Structure formats: C-alpha cells, structure tokens
C-alpha atoms as a PDB file:
ATOM      1  CA  MET A   1       0.099   0.128  -0.166  1.00  0.00           C
ATOM      2  CA  SER A   2       1.313   3.592  -0.769  1.00  0.00           C
ATOM      3  CA  GLU A   3       2.373   5.906   1.477  1.00  0.00           C
ATOM      4  CA  LEU A   4      -0.163   8.007   0.259  1.00  0.00           C
ATOM      5  CA  ARG A   5      -2.937   5.358   0.652  1.00  0.00           C
ATOM      6  CA  LYS A   6      -1.844   4.768   4.274  1.00  0.00           C
ATOM      7  CA  GLU A   7      -1.852   8.601   5.187  1.00  0.00           C
ATOM      8  CA  ARG A   8      -5.250   9.199   3.223  1.00  0.00           C
ATOM      9  CA  ILE A   9      -6.994   6.315   5.122  1.00  0.00           C
ATOM     10  CA  VAL A  10      -5.435   7.746   8.543  1.00  0.00           C
ATOM     11  CA  ASP A  11      -7.240  10.768   7.980  1.00  0.00           C
ATOM     12  CA  ASP A  12     -10.685   9.206   7.220  1.00  0.00           C
ATOM     13  CA  THR A  13     -10.604   6.990  10.293  1.00  0.00           C
ATOM     14  CA  ILE A  14      -9.918  10.614  12.551  1.00  0.00           C
ATOM     15  CA  ILE A  15     -12.446  12.525  10.788  1.00  0.00           C
ATOM     16  CA  ASN A  16     -15.047   9.026  11.338  1.00  0.00           C
ATOM     17  CA  GLU A  17     -13.953   8.548  14.881  1.00  0.00           C
ATOM     18  CA  ALA A  18     -14.795  12.637  15.130  1.00  0.00           C
ATOM     19  CA  LEU A  19     -18.432  12.224  14.183  1.00  0.00           C
ATOM     20  CA  ARG A  20     -18.896   8.780  16.324  1.00  0.00           C
ATOM     21  CA  ILE A  21     -17.898  10.966  19.042  1.00  0.00           C
ATOM     22  CA  VAL A  22     -20.365  14.005  18.382  1.00  0.00           C
ATOM     23  CA  GLU A  23     -22.870  11.070  18.275  1.00  0.00           C
ATOM     24  CA  GLU A  24     -22.024   9.547  21.526  1.00  0.00           C
ATOM     25  CA  ALA A  25     -22.232  12.987  22.807  1.00  0.00           C
ATOM     26  CA  ASN A  26     -25.890  13.644  21.565  1.00  0.00           C
ATOM     27  CA  CYS A  27     -26.862  10.479  22.955  1.00  0.00           C
ATOM     28  CA  ARG A  28     -26.043  11.865  26.433  1.00  0.00           C
ATOM     29  CA  LYS A  29     -27.643  15.640  25.449  1.00  0.00           C
ATOM     30  CA  ILE A  30     -23.729  16.689  25.899  1.00  0.00           C
ATOM     31  CA  LEU A  31     -23.532  19.736  23.707  1.00  0.00           C
ATOM     32  CA  LEU A  32     -20.258  18.874  21.658  1.00  0.00           C
ATOM     33  CA  ARG A  33     -19.215  20.360  18.287  1.00  0.00           C
ATOM     34  CA  ILE A  34     -16.242  19.800  15.893  1.00  0.00           C
ATOM     35  CA  LEU A  35     -13.804  22.897  14.749  1.00  0.00           C
ATOM     36  CA  GLY A  36     -11.076  23.763  12.925  1.00  0.00           C
ATOM     37  CA  ALA A  37      -9.743  21.493   9.705  1.00  0.00           C
ATOM     38  CA  VAL A  38     -11.508  18.582  10.531  1.00  0.00           C
ATOM     39  CA  ALA A  39     -14.925  20.978  10.953  1.00  0.00           C
ATOM     40  CA  VAL A  40     -13.623  22.151   7.506  1.00  0.00           C
ATOM     41  CA  ALA A  41     -13.254  18.852   5.432  1.00  0.00           C
ATOM     42  CA  ILE A  42     -16.412  17.626   6.725  1.00  0.00           C
ATOM     43  CA  HIS A  43     -18.491  20.297   5.229  1.00  0.00           C
ATOM     44  CA  SER A  44     -16.199  20.506   1.971  1.00  0.00           C
ATOM     45  CA  GLU A  45     -16.080  16.718   0.936  1.00  0.00           C
ATOM     46  CA  ASP A  46     -17.232  17.519  -2.605  1.00  0.00           C
ATOM     47  CA  LEU A  47     -14.831  20.038  -3.271  1.00  0.00           C
ATOM     48  CA  GLU A  48     -12.090  17.444  -2.530  1.00  0.00           C
ATOM     49  CA  TYR A  49     -10.743  17.957  -6.194  1.00  0.00           C
ATOM     50  CA  ILE A  50     -10.156  21.834  -5.346  1.00  0.00           C
ATOM     51  CA  GLN A  51      -8.556  20.736  -2.144  1.00  0.00           C
ATOM     52  CA  ARG A  52      -5.950  18.573  -3.648  1.00  0.00           C
ATOM     53  CA  ARG A  53      -5.498  21.011  -6.712  1.00  0.00           C
ATOM     54  CA  LEU A  54      -4.419  23.416  -3.850  1.00  0.00           C
ATOM     55  CA  LYS A  55      -2.352  21.271  -1.846  1.00  0.00           C
ATOM     56  CA  ARG A  56      -4.704  20.831   1.369  1.00  0.00           C
ATOM     57  CA  LEU A  57      -5.354  17.230   1.089  1.00  0.00           C
ATOM     58  CA  GLY A  58      -1.836  16.259   2.859  1.00  0.00           C
ATOM     59  CA  ASP A  59      -0.551  14.206  -0.391  1.00  0.00           C
ATOM     60  CA  LYS A  60       2.934  13.749   1.113  1.00  0.00           C
ATOM     61  CA  GLU A  61       1.897  14.063   5.017  1.00  0.00           C
ATOM     62  CA  ARG A  62      -1.219  13.463   7.378  1.00  0.00           C
ATOM     63  CA  ARG A  63      -3.751  16.258   6.869  1.00  0.00           C
ATOM     64  CA  PHE A  64      -4.781  15.870  10.522  1.00  0.00           C
ATOM     65  CA  THR A  65      -2.913  15.054  13.831  1.00  0.00           C
ATOM     66  CA  ASP A  66      -5.714  16.212  16.264  1.00  0.00           C
ATOM     67  CA  VAL A  67      -9.576  16.819  16.325  1.00  0.00           C
ATOM     68  CA  ASP A  68     -10.358  20.194  18.057  1.00  0.00           C
ATOM     69  CA  PHE A  69     -14.111  20.399  19.450  1.00  0.00           C
ATOM     70  CA  ALA A  70     -16.051  23.506  21.304  1.00  0.00           C
ATOM     71  CA  ALA A  71     -18.443  22.592  24.529  1.00  0.00           C
ATOM     72  CA  CYS A  72     -19.597  24.527  27.314  1.00  0.00           C
ATOM     73  CA  SER A  73     -18.484  24.599  30.347  1.00  0.00           C
ATOM     74  CA  ARG A  74     -22.181  23.843  32.430  1.00  0.00           C
ATOM     75  CA  GLN A  75     -21.488  20.261  31.137  1.00  0.00           C
ATOM     76  CA  TYR A  76     -17.810  20.070  32.097  1.00  0.00           C
ATOM     77  CA  GLY A  77     -17.921  17.190  34.304  1.00  0.00           C
ATOM     78  CA  GLU A  78     -20.261  15.097  31.561  1.00  0.00           C
ATOM     79  CA  VAL A  79     -17.647  15.835  28.989  1.00  0.00           C
ATOM     80  CA  ARG A  80     -14.381  14.280  31.085  1.00  0.00           C
ATOM     81  CA  LYS A  81     -16.773  11.064  32.122  1.00  0.00           C
ATOM     82  CA  LEU A  82     -17.352  10.981  28.287  1.00  0.00           C
ATOM     83  CA  PHE A  83     -13.808  10.733  27.225  1.00  0.00           C
ATOM     84  CA  GLU A  84     -12.101   9.421  30.063  1.00  0.00           C
ATOM     85  CA  ASP A  85     -15.003   6.719  31.224  1.00  0.00           C
ATOM     86  CA  ASP A  86     -17.033   5.608  28.427  1.00  0.00           C
ATOM     87  CA  LEU A  87     -14.533   6.657  25.501  1.00  0.00           C
ATOM     88  CA  LYS A  88     -11.255   5.739  27.425  1.00  0.00           C
ATOM     89  CA  TYR A  89      -9.285   8.515  26.018  1.00  0.00           C
ATOM     90  CA  THR A  90      -6.162  10.042  28.200  1.00  0.00           C
ATOM     91  CA  ALA A  91      -6.210  13.121  29.757  1.00  0.00           C
ATOM     92  CA  ASP A  92      -3.492  15.238  29.582  1.00  0.00           C
ATOM     93  CA  LYS A  93      -2.610  15.876  33.157  1.00  0.00           C
ATOM     94  CA  PHE A  94      -0.361  19.210  32.674  1.00  0.00           C
ATOM     95  CA  ILE A  95      -2.851  20.854  30.663  1.00  0.00           C
ATOM     96  CA  LEU A  96      -5.634  19.241  33.061  1.00  0.00           C
ATOM     97  CA  MET A  97      -3.314  21.636  35.742  1.00  0.00           C
ATOM     98  CA  LEU A  98      -2.613  24.127  33.505  1.00  0.00           C
ATOM     99  CA  HIS A  99      -5.875  25.429  31.952  1.00  0.00           C
ATOM    100  CA  GLY A 100      -8.279  24.241  34.431  1.00  0.00           C
ATOM    101  CA  ARG A 101     -12.101  24.391  33.375  1.00  0.00           C
ATOM    102  CA  SER A 102     -11.063  26.206  29.949  1.00  0.00           C
ATOM    103  CA  ARG A 103      -9.455  23.292  27.933  1.00  0.00           C
ATOM    104  CA  LEU A 104      -8.594  19.760  28.012  1.00  0.00           C
ATOM    105  CA  ILE A 105      -6.543  17.486  25.648  1.00  0.00           C
ATOM    106  CA  TYR A 106      -6.824  13.828  25.419  1.00  0.00           C
ATOM    107  CA  TYR A 107      -5.244  11.038  23.825  1.00  0.00           C
ATOM    108  CA  HIS A 108      -6.891   8.196  21.450  1.00  0.00           C
ATOM    109  CA  PRO A 109      -6.367   4.920  23.541  1.00  0.00           C
ATOM    110  CA  SER A 110      -4.030   4.042  20.400  1.00  0.00           C
ATOM    111  CA  GLU A 111      -2.360   7.688  20.108  1.00  0.00           C
ATOM    112  CA  LEU A 112      -3.619   7.859  16.471  1.00  0.00           C
ATOM    113  CA  PHE A 113      -4.435  11.804  17.446  1.00  0.00           C
ATOM    114  CA  HIS A 114      -5.304  13.588  20.118  1.00  0.00           C
ATOM    115  CA  VAL A 115      -8.391  15.926  20.649  1.00  0.00           C
ATOM    116  CA  ASP A 116      -8.701  19.400  21.940  1.00  0.00           C
ATOM    117  CA  ILE A 117     -11.755  21.067  23.658  1.00  0.00           C
ATOM    118  CA  PHE A 118     -12.559  24.642  24.285  1.00  0.00           C
ATOM    119  CA  PHE A 119     -14.948  25.118  26.812  1.00  0.00           C
ATOM    120  CA  ASP A 120     -17.232  28.025  26.131  1.00  0.00           C
ATOM    121  CA  ARG A 121     -14.989  30.272  24.002  1.00  0.00           C
ATOM    122  CA  LEU A 122     -11.820  30.012  21.762  1.00  0.00           C
ATOM    123  CA  GLU A 123      -8.614  31.834  23.103  1.00  0.00           C
ATOM    124  CA  PHE A 124      -6.520  32.281  20.469  1.00  0.00           C
ATOM    125  CA  SER A 125      -5.523  35.401  19.022  1.00  0.00           C
ATOM    126  CA  HIS A 126      -8.962  36.830  19.867  1.00  0.00           C
ATOM    127  CA  ASP A 127     -12.080  35.344  21.715  1.00  0.00           C
ATOM    128  CA  ILE A 128     -14.612  33.643  19.640  1.00  0.00           C
ATOM    129  CA  ILE A 129     -17.382  33.089  22.378  1.00  0.00           C
ATOM    130  CA  PHE A 130     -19.656  29.498  21.854  1.00  0.00           C
ATOM    131  CA  CYS A 131     -21.683  29.464  25.193  1.00  0.00           C
ATOM    132  CA  SER A 132     -22.789  32.486  27.649  1.00  0.00           C
ATOM    133  CA  LYS A 133     -25.281  32.746  30.622  1.00  0.00           C
ATOM    134  CA  HIS A 134     -26.994  35.029  28.966  1.00  0.00           C
ATOM    135  CA  LYS A 135     -27.466  33.892  25.011  1.00  0.00           C
ATOM    136  CA  GLU A 136     -28.468  30.527  23.873  1.00  0.00           C
ATOM    137  CA  SER A 137     -25.496  28.776  22.707  1.00  0.00           C
ATOM    138  CA  ARG A 138     -23.937  28.852  19.188  1.00  0.00           C
ATOM    139  CA  LEU A 139     -23.196  24.775  19.464  1.00  0.00           C
ATOM    140  CA  THR A 140     -27.328  24.754  19.343  1.00  0.00           C
ATOM    141  CA  LEU A 141     -27.262  26.005  15.578  1.00  0.00           C
ATOM    142  CA  ASP A 142     -25.141  22.979  13.507  1.00  0.00           C
ATOM    143  CA  LEU A 143     -24.279  19.347  13.962  1.00  0.00           C
ATOM    144  CA  PRO A 144     -21.676  17.807  14.089  1.00  0.00           C
ATOM    145  CA  THR A 145     -19.712  21.077  13.681  1.00  0.00           C
ATOM    146  CA  VAL A 146     -19.845  24.895  15.127  1.00  0.00           C
ATOM    147  CA  PRO A 147     -21.727  27.001  12.445  1.00  0.00           C
ATOM    148  CA  LEU A 148     -20.206  28.134   9.388  1.00  0.00           C
ATOM    149  CA  ALA A 149     -19.827  31.745  10.664  1.00  0.00           C
ATOM    150  CA  ASP A 150     -17.922  30.454  13.736  1.00  0.00           C
ATOM    151  CA  LEU A 151     -15.459  28.667  11.709  1.00  0.00           C
ATOM    152  CA  VAL A 152     -14.551  31.469   9.185  1.00  0.00           C
ATOM    153  CA  LEU A 153     -14.346  33.749  12.603  1.00  0.00           C
ATOM    154  CA  GLU A 154     -12.273  30.736  14.227  1.00  0.00           C
ATOM    155  CA  LYS A 155     -10.219  31.500  10.675  1.00  0.00           C
ATOM    156  CA  THR A 156      -9.959  35.185  10.358  1.00  0.00           C
ATOM    157  CA  GLN A 157      -9.074  35.508  14.299  1.00  0.00           C
ATOM    158  CA  ILE A 158      -5.799  34.406  13.580  1.00  0.00           C
ATOM    159  CA  HIS A 159      -3.008  37.456  13.564  1.00  0.00           C
ATOM    160  CA  HIS A 160      -0.274  35.147  12.305  1.00  0.00           C
ATOM    161  CA  ILE A 161      -2.550  33.671   9.667  1.00  0.00           C
ATOM    162  CA  ASN A 162      -0.587  30.798   7.292  1.00  0.00           C
ATOM    163  CA  GLU A 163      -1.635  29.385   3.956  1.00  0.00           C
ATOM    164  CA  LYS A 164      -3.260  26.327   5.420  1.00  0.00           C
ATOM    165  CA  ASP A 165      -5.701  28.617   6.900  1.00  0.00           C
ATOM    166  CA  ILE A 166      -5.899  31.018   4.166  1.00  0.00           C
ATOM    167  CA  LYS A 167      -6.777  27.973   1.881  1.00  0.00           C
ATOM    168  CA  ASP A 168      -9.453  26.739   4.476  1.00  0.00           C
ATOM    169  CA  ILE A 169     -11.143  29.806   4.126  1.00  0.00           C
ATOM    170  CA  ILE A 170     -11.260  29.747   0.382  1.00  0.00           C
ATOM    171  CA  ILE A 171     -12.691  26.199   0.024  1.00  0.00           C
ATOM    172  CA  LEU A 172     -15.205  27.500   2.711  1.00  0.00           C
ATOM    173  CA  LEU A 173     -16.371  30.360   0.866  1.00  0.00           C
ATOM    174  CA  LEU A 174     -16.168  28.320  -2.599  1.00  0.00           C
ATOM    175  CA  GLY A 175     -18.510  25.564  -1.271  1.00  0.00           C
ATOM    176  CA  HIS A 176     -21.142  27.922   0.813  1.00  0.00           C
ATOM    177  CA  GLU A 177     -23.027  31.042  -0.285  1.00  0.00           C
ATOM    178  CA  ILE A 178     -22.767  34.006   2.306  1.00  0.00           C
ATOM    179  CA  GLY A 179     -25.975  35.232   3.598  1.00  0.00           C
ATOM    180  CA  ASP A 180     -27.549  37.015   6.616  1.00  0.00           C
ATOM    181  CA  LYS A 181     -29.392  34.096   8.455  1.00  0.00           C
ATOM    182  CA  GLU A 182     -28.791  30.813  10.404  1.00  0.00           C
ATOM    183  CA  TYR A 183     -29.193  28.014   7.530  1.00  0.00           C
ATOM    184  CA  LYS A 184     -27.463  24.927   7.610  1.00  0.00           C
ATOM    185  CA  GLU A 185     -24.281  25.767   4.852  1.00  0.00           C
ATOM    186  CA  ILE A 186     -24.588  29.340   4.596  1.00  0.00           C
ATOM    187  CA  ILE A 187     -22.193  31.469   5.834  1.00  0.00           C
ATOM    188  CA  ASN A 188     -24.039  33.855   8.103  1.00  0.00           C
ATOM    189  CA  ALA A 189     -22.554  37.319   6.931  1.00  0.00           C
ATOM    190  CA  LYS A 190     -24.572  39.323   9.258  1.00  0.00           C
ATOM    191  CA  TYR A 191     -23.727  37.582  12.472  1.00  0.00           C
ATOM    192  CA  ILE A 192     -19.812  38.222  11.700  1.00  0.00           C
ATOM    193  CA  ALA A 193     -20.271  41.535  10.792  1.00  0.00           C
ATOM    194  CA  GLN A 194     -22.154  42.179  14.178  1.00  0.00           C
ATOM    195  CA  ILE A 195     -19.356  40.169  16.262  1.00  0.00           C
ATOM    196  CA  LEU A 196     -16.455  42.015  14.793  1.00  0.00           C
ATOM    197  CA  ALA A 197     -18.434  45.616  15.159  1.00  0.00           C
ATOM    198  CA  ASP A 198     -18.021  45.129  18.832  1.00  0.00           C
ATOM    199  CA  ASP A 199     -14.081  44.009  18.998  1.00  0.00           C
ATOM    200  CA  TRP A 200     -11.941  46.498  17.390  1.00  0.00           C
ATOM    201  CA  GLY A 201      -8.697  44.046  17.209  1.00  0.00           C
ATOM    202  CA  LEU A 202     -10.554  41.265  15.930  1.00  0.00           C
ATOM    203  CA  TRP A 203     -12.251  43.493  13.531  1.00  0.00           C
ATOM    204  CA  HIS A 204      -8.564  44.762  12.084  1.00  0.00           C
ATOM    205  CA  ASP A 205      -7.524  41.230  12.012  1.00  0.00           C
ATOM    206  CA  ALA A 206     -10.245  39.496  10.403  1.00  0.00           C
ATOM    207  CA  ARG A 207     -10.388  41.995   7.728  1.00  0.00           C
ATOM    208  CA  THR A 208      -6.446  41.809   7.281  1.00  0.00           C
ATOM    209  CA  ASN A 209      -6.854  38.363   6.403  1.00  0.00           C
ATOM    210  CA  LEU A 210      -9.285  38.797   4.189  1.00  0.00           C
ATOM    211  CA  ASP A 211      -7.952  41.346   2.113  1.00  0.00           C
ATOM    212  CA  LYS A 212      -5.217  38.156   2.277  1.00  0.00           C
ATOM    213  CA  VAL A 213      -7.662  35.931   1.009  1.00  0.00           C
ATOM    214  CA  LYS A 214      -8.733  37.601  -2.513  1.00  0.00           C
ATOM    215  CA  LYS A 215      -4.974  38.618  -2.843  1.00  0.00           C
ATOM    216  CA  SER A 216      -4.099  34.649  -2.428  1.00  0.00           C
ATOM    217  CA  SER A 217      -6.726  33.619  -4.331  1.00  0.00           C
ATOM    218  CA  GLU A 218      -5.247  36.209  -7.412  1.00  0.00           C
ATOM    219  CA  GLU A 219      -1.665  34.561  -6.962  1.00  0.00           C
ATOM    220  CA  TYR A 220      -2.894  30.870  -6.764  1.00  0.00           C
ATOM    221  CA  LEU A 221      -5.054  31.703 -10.452  1.00  0.00           C
ATOM    222  CA  LEU A 222      -1.344  32.608 -11.685  1.00  0.00           C
ATOM    223  CA  SER A 223      -0.010  29.233 -10.489  1.00  0.00           C
ATOM    224  CA  ALA A 224      -2.878  27.329 -11.906  1.00  0.00           C
ATOM    225  CA  LEU A 225      -4.339  25.950  -8.409  1.00  0.00           C
ATOM    226  CA  LEU A 226      -7.412  28.230  -8.886  1.00  0.00           C
ATOM    227  CA  THR A 227      -9.284  28.104 -11.901  1.00  0.00           C
ATOM    228  CA  ARG A 228     -10.376  31.415 -13.444  1.00  0.00           C
ATOM    229  CA  GLU A 229     -13.595  30.974 -12.354  1.00  0.00           C
ATOM    230  CA  GLU A 230     -13.100  29.951  -9.035  1.00  0.00           C
ATOM    231  CA  SER A 231     -10.581  32.715  -7.943  1.00  0.00           C
ATOM    232  CA  LYS A 232     -13.627  35.393  -9.173  1.00  0.00           C
ATOM    233  CA  GLU A 233     -16.056  33.393  -7.198  1.00  0.00           C
ATOM    234  CA  VAL A 234     -13.616  33.619  -3.807  1.00  0.00           C
ATOM    235  CA  ILE A 235     -13.085  37.410  -4.353  1.00  0.00           C
ATOM    236  CA  GLU A 236     -16.956  38.512  -4.915  1.00  0.00           C
ATOM    237  CA  LYS A 237     -17.868  36.097  -1.899  1.00  0.00           C
ATOM    238  CA  VAL A 238     -15.001  37.835   0.046  1.00  0.00           C
ATOM    239  CA  ASN A 239     -16.647  41.570  -0.793  1.00  0.00           C
ATOM    240  CA  LYS A 240     -19.814  40.413  -0.314  1.00  0.00           C
ATOM    241  CA  LEU A 241     -18.897  39.589   3.347  1.00  0.00           C
ATOM    242  CA  LEU A 242     -16.575  42.962   3.548  1.00  0.00           C
ATOM    243  CA  SER A 243     -19.720  44.954   2.362  1.00  0.00           C
ATOM    244  CA  TYR A 244     -21.191  43.195   5.711  1.00  0.00           C
ATOM    245  CA  ILE A 245     -18.855  44.143   7.955  1.00  0.00           C
ATOM    246  CA  ASP A 246     -17.952  47.335   6.709  1.00  0.00           C
ATOM    247  CA  GLU A 247     -21.826  48.064   6.708  1.00  0.00           C
ATOM    248  CA  GLU A 248     -22.420  47.043  10.209  1.00  0.00           C
ATOM    249  CA  GLU A 249     -23.087  49.822  12.747  1.00  0.00           C
ATOM    250  CA  LYS A 250     -20.163  49.567  15.450  1.00  0.00           C
ATOM    251  CA  MET A 251     -20.393  49.250  19.099  1.00  0.00           C
ATOM    252  CA  LYS A 252     -18.952  52.038  21.795  1.00  0.00           C
ATOM    253  CA  ARG A 253     -16.531  49.434  22.775  1.00  0.00           C
ATOM    254  CA  TRP A 254     -14.855  49.046  19.485  1.00  0.00           C
ATOM    255  CA  ARG A 255     -15.390  52.968  18.797  1.00  0.00           C
ATOM    256  CA  GLU A 256     -12.851  53.494  21.835  1.00  0.00           C
ATOM    257  CA  ARG A 257     -10.448  51.113  20.688  1.00  0.00           C
ATOM    258  CA  ALA A 258     -10.193  52.212  17.391  1.00  0.00           C
ATOM    259  CA  LYS A 259      -9.289  55.608  18.390  1.00  0.00           C
ATOM    260  CA  LYS A 260      -5.550  54.039  19.648  1.00  0.00           C
ATOM    261  CA  GLY A 261      -5.338  52.217  16.285  1.00  0.00           C
ATOM    262  CA  THR A 262      -2.136  49.572  16.005  1.00  0.00           C
ATOM    263  CA  GLY A 263      -0.300  52.178  18.066  1.00  0.00           C
ATOM    264  CA  LYS A 264      -1.125  49.629  21.018  1.00  0.00           C
ATOM    265  CA  SER A 265      -1.442  45.510  20.581  1.00  0.00           C
ATOM    266  CA  TRP A 266      -4.521  44.445  19.841  1.00  0.00           C
ATOM    267  CA  TRP A 267      -4.070  40.925  19.474  1.00  0.00           C
ATOM    268  CA  ARG A 268      -3.228  38.008  22.019  1.00  0.00           C
ATOM    269  CA  GLU A 269       0.251  35.829  21.571  1.00  0.00           C
ATOM    270  CA  VAL A 270      -0.383  32.733  21.433  1.00  0.00           C
ATOM    271  CA  GLU A 271       1.800  29.750  22.451  1.00  0.00           C
ATOM    272  CA  GLU A 272       1.659  25.803  21.463  1.00  0.00           C
ATOM    273  CA  VAL A 273       0.662  23.957  24.582  1.00  0.00           C
ATOM    274  CA  THR A 274       0.471  20.033  23.042  1.00  0.00           C
ATOM    275  CA  ARG A 275       3.541  18.485  24.219  1.00  0.00           C
END
C-alpha cells in the first residue's frame, strides 16, 4: 500500500472518529461540536478535487494530527466522563492543571491523534465565544460542527495567519453561499459583522486576513491552483462578506478602541501547548 493511501486511511479514520464522538455526546445530551480543519473537511467533501489542487489534502503527510471540539463549561463534568470513562481517552494532566475548566486535551486510546476541547470560547489571537450565561449556545445551531460563521471567525481571528488557514477559508467560500441568517450550509455574514462590530482588534485582523484571502486567490490563479472562475468567486464572496462588515454599525467599545489604532497591541500572543 502506498504511503499516500495509508495517510488517507488515517485521515478518514480521524474524521469518522470525530463524528462518532459527537454522536456519542449527542446521545448523552452533551453539546459537543467539531472545530478547525476537520470541520472544514466535513463541510467540503464535494470539493476534494479543489483541495487536492490547492495541496490542502496532505499528499505527502497526514492532513490531521488532532481534532478540535467546542463545548459548554456547564457540561464540563459530563465531557470528562464521556472521554475518560466511556471512550477511554487519556487526559493530559499538565493541560488539566494549566487550564482548569477552560480547556482539555485527550489522547486517542491508540495514540493515533489527540483531542483538544475548548469550553465556552476559543482563546487564541482573539476570543470566539460559543457559550454564555445570557444567550443560547451557538453550539445548538449546527451538527456535527460549529456553525459556518464560527468556522470563518475561527480562521480569520488568527493574527499570524498561515497558508493552510487561508486555503481553508477559500474552500469554505467556494463551497457555501453568503447570507444573513442561520441556515445550514450558509455563511451568516450578518452574525460575523455583528461580532466584529464590537471588537476592533478582531475586526482589524479579520479584515486584514480577508484581504489576504483575495490576494492569495489571485496568486493561486496565476499558479494554476485555482481556475479563473474559482478565483473570481472567492473574491466576489469576500467582497460580499466585507460589505456586511463595513455596513454594520460599530459599537461603543469598538469606537473607543479604534481611537488607539495599531499603536497598542490588539491581539493575544499564542503559544502552542500540545506536548
């Protein structure tokens, strides 16, 4: 069996295991949803040919080494029981001590990959909130992943964005329409705009990254990684998303922070904690 075939089998195994975990959680009424690259793959199965052309399928190495999940802290105990008692995953004790109830890391029983669970919010360059005391959890809006709008926010909040994340955004845009409501397989641009209108730092990085997506799509056209039609579609959808962002009325907190501009750091430095 070729090395590529082996890696693809491993990647498929990881996706299937992520889906199984969500199903097991759902049976126990636990809100657990997939984030990150695995979520993008689940939403983009019919675009594999574009992902392969963009060299985003890991032709020379595994595509996935971990699975990211979002959960609500009010179900912290149930999540731990699910992974430790029922699924027999091994907890990373260092992460347990370091992050307490905000984050957990577990290792697959065969150490095939690890699982990263974020409670209530993603805390990287900026915060992306999934659960709060005052609103219905975003995790109720889609299954088995977080909503598409949250996936876009997850990718665009990265201050030091890399090419893999840019390609994931391109795939999400090519596979989905831009809208203003929470419909499955529709990117809710209105929600994204509302979140950015209250956080200048997040707005700044998201807008910068969307401009990078447009520039990259033009470069990928020149290098034949995207067709002319695909590049044009990406640019049009980014522009549509940006129009929602620009037209949304900015909140007081956004306006106050905007006065300071880039003279003061507007993002959180992120360190890799997986060991």
